[in-house]
Amino acid sequence: MVVPVAVPAESRREAEIVDLVASGMNNHHIASTCFIGEKMVKNYINQLLAKLHSASRPKAAVKWPGTALSSATGLR
């Protein structure tokens, strides 16, 4: 069972990136979609993992409020 967490203030970019992670995109595709470099995507994802106390991208996507995955698990 995944426990919802209180997420500190999110930026629009963080929300966009976590939604793309939740949809299954890899860093290269996220970078292309957001018009940023892959290194920047890695930085955002590392920050998100730290904020959510998650060890993996899928767990972070489930914990993040408002993603399709969090909605499916009832964590809105």
C-alpha atoms as a PDB file:
ATOM      1  CA  MET A   1       0.000   0.000   0.000  1.00  0.00           C
ATOM      2  CA  VAL A   2       1.282   3.452  -0.919  1.00  0.00           C
ATOM      3  CA  VAL A   3       0.784   6.154   1.678  1.00  0.00           C
ATOM      4  CA  PRO A   4       0.008   9.627   0.316  1.00  0.00           C
ATOM      5  CA  VAL A   5       2.479  12.316   1.272  1.00  0.00           C
ATOM      6  CA  ALA A   6       2.176  16.049   1.689  1.00  0.00           C
ATOM      7  CA  VAL A   7       4.026  17.466  -1.287  1.00  0.00           C
ATOM      8  CA  PRO A   8       5.789  20.797  -0.827  1.00  0.00           C
ATOM      9  CA  ALA A   9       4.809  23.565  -3.207  1.00  0.00           C
ATOM     10  CA  GLU A  10       5.211  22.290  -6.718  1.00  0.00           C
ATOM     11  CA  SER A  11       6.253  24.181  -9.776  1.00  0.00           C
ATOM     12  CA  ARG A  12       4.353  23.854 -13.016  1.00  0.00           C
ATOM     13  CA  ARG A  13       7.425  22.236 -14.533  1.00  0.00           C
ATOM     14  CA  GLU A  14       7.634  19.635 -11.749  1.00  0.00           C
ATOM     15  CA  ALA A  15       3.974  18.784 -12.235  1.00  0.00           C
ATOM     16  CA  GLU A  16       4.478  18.514 -15.996  1.00  0.00           C
ATOM     17  CA  ILE A  17       7.495  16.240 -15.600  1.00  0.00           C
ATOM     18  CA  VAL A  18       5.877  13.946 -13.048  1.00  0.00           C
ATOM     19  CA  ASP A  19       2.832  13.608 -15.329  1.00  0.00           C
ATOM     20  CA  LEU A  20       5.124  12.590 -18.175  1.00  0.00           C
ATOM     21  CA  VAL A  21       6.923  10.114 -15.896  1.00  0.00           C
ATOM     22  CA  ALA A  22       3.519   8.701 -14.907  1.00  0.00           C
ATOM     23  CA  SER A  23       2.652   8.263 -18.574  1.00  0.00           C
ATOM     24  CA  GLY A  24       5.757   6.095 -19.011  1.00  0.00           C
ATOM     25  CA  MET A  25       8.061   8.477 -20.872  1.00  0.00           C
ATOM     26  CA  ASN A  26      11.817   8.119 -20.516  1.00  0.00           C
ATOM     27  CA  ASN A  27      14.157  11.059 -19.862  1.00  0.00           C
ATOM     28  CA  HIS A  28      14.947  11.589 -23.549  1.00  0.00           C
ATOM     29  CA  HIS A  29      11.270  11.886 -24.498  1.00  0.00           C
ATOM     30  CA  ILE A  30      10.502  14.112 -21.506  1.00  0.00           C
ATOM     31  CA  ALA A  31      13.377  16.417 -22.486  1.00  0.00           C
ATOM     32  CA  SER A  32      12.101  16.616 -26.064  1.00  0.00           C
ATOM     33  CA  THR A  33       8.535  17.281 -24.965  1.00  0.00           C
ATOM     34  CA  CYS A  34       9.530  20.001 -22.479  1.00  0.00           C
ATOM     35  CA  PHE A  35      12.255  21.518 -24.688  1.00  0.00           C
ATOM     36  CA  ILE A  36      14.906  21.083 -21.992  1.00  0.00           C
ATOM     37  CA  GLY A  37      18.065  18.988 -21.743  1.00  0.00           C
ATOM     38  CA  GLU A  38      18.139  15.437 -20.428  1.00  0.00           C
ATOM     39  CA  LYS A  39      20.404  16.561 -17.566  1.00  0.00           C
ATOM     40  CA  MET A  40      17.723  19.025 -16.465  1.00  0.00           C
ATOM     41  CA  VAL A  41      15.128  16.230 -16.564  1.00  0.00           C
ATOM     42  CA  LYS A  42      17.386  14.078 -14.375  1.00  0.00           C
ATOM     43  CA  ASN A  43      17.746  16.984 -11.930  1.00  0.00           C
ATOM     44  CA  TYR A  44      13.978  17.483 -11.730  1.00  0.00           C
ATOM     45  CA  ILE A  45      13.363  13.768 -11.240  1.00  0.00           C
ATOM     46  CA  ASN A  46      15.998  13.536  -8.508  1.00  0.00           C
ATOM     47  CA  GLN A  47      14.387  16.506  -6.739  1.00  0.00           C
ATOM     48  CA  LEU A  48      10.955  14.907  -7.047  1.00  0.00           C
ATOM     49  CA  LEU A  49      12.217  11.591  -5.688  1.00  0.00           C
ATOM     50  CA  ALA A  50      13.716  13.405  -2.705  1.00  0.00           C
ATOM     51  CA  LYS A  51      10.538  15.433  -2.041  1.00  0.00           C
ATOM     52  CA  LEU A  52       8.397  12.319  -2.153  1.00  0.00           C
ATOM     53  CA  HIS A  53      10.836  10.100  -0.269  1.00  0.00           C
ATOM     54  CA  SER A  54      10.641   7.630  -3.155  1.00  0.00           C
ATOM     55  CA  ALA A  55      13.289   5.284  -4.444  1.00  0.00           C
ATOM     56  CA  SER A  56      11.761   4.870  -7.900  1.00  0.00           C
ATOM     57  CA  ARG A  57       9.974   6.820 -10.601  1.00  0.00           C
ATOM     58  CA  PRO A  58       6.810   4.689 -10.547  1.00  0.00           C
ATOM     59  CA  LYS A  59       6.431   5.085  -6.770  1.00  0.00           C
ATOM     60  CA  ALA A  60       6.906   8.842  -7.067  1.00  0.00           C
ATOM     61  CA  ALA A  61       4.284   9.050  -9.826  1.00  0.00           C
ATOM     62  CA  VAL A  62       1.794   7.162  -7.653  1.00  0.00           C
ATOM     63  CA  LYS A  63       2.465   9.405  -4.645  1.00  0.00           C
ATOM     64  CA  TRP A  64       2.234  12.693  -6.573  1.00  0.00           C
ATOM     65  CA  PRO A  65      -1.290  14.161  -6.236  1.00  0.00           C
ATOM     66  CA  GLY A  66      -3.173  14.636  -9.472  1.00  0.00           C
ATOM     67  CA  THR A  67      -1.417  12.128 -11.717  1.00  0.00           C
ATOM     68  CA  ALA A  68      -3.417   9.453 -13.482  1.00  0.00           C
ATOM     69  CA  LEU A  69      -1.665   6.864 -11.322  1.00  0.00           C
ATOM     70  CA  SER A  70      -2.485   8.580  -8.029  1.00  0.00           C
ATOM     71  CA  SER A  71      -6.102   8.961  -9.129  1.00  0.00           C
ATOM     72  CA  ALA A  72      -6.315   5.263  -9.987  1.00  0.00           C
ATOM     73  CA  THR A  73      -5.063   4.336  -6.520  1.00  0.00           C
ATOM     74  CA  GLY A  74      -7.332   6.819  -4.752  1.00  0.00           C
ATOM     75  CA  LEU A  75      -4.523   9.074  -3.551  1.00  0.00           C
ATOM     76  CA  ARG A  76      -5.843  12.355  -4.809  1.00  0.00           C
END
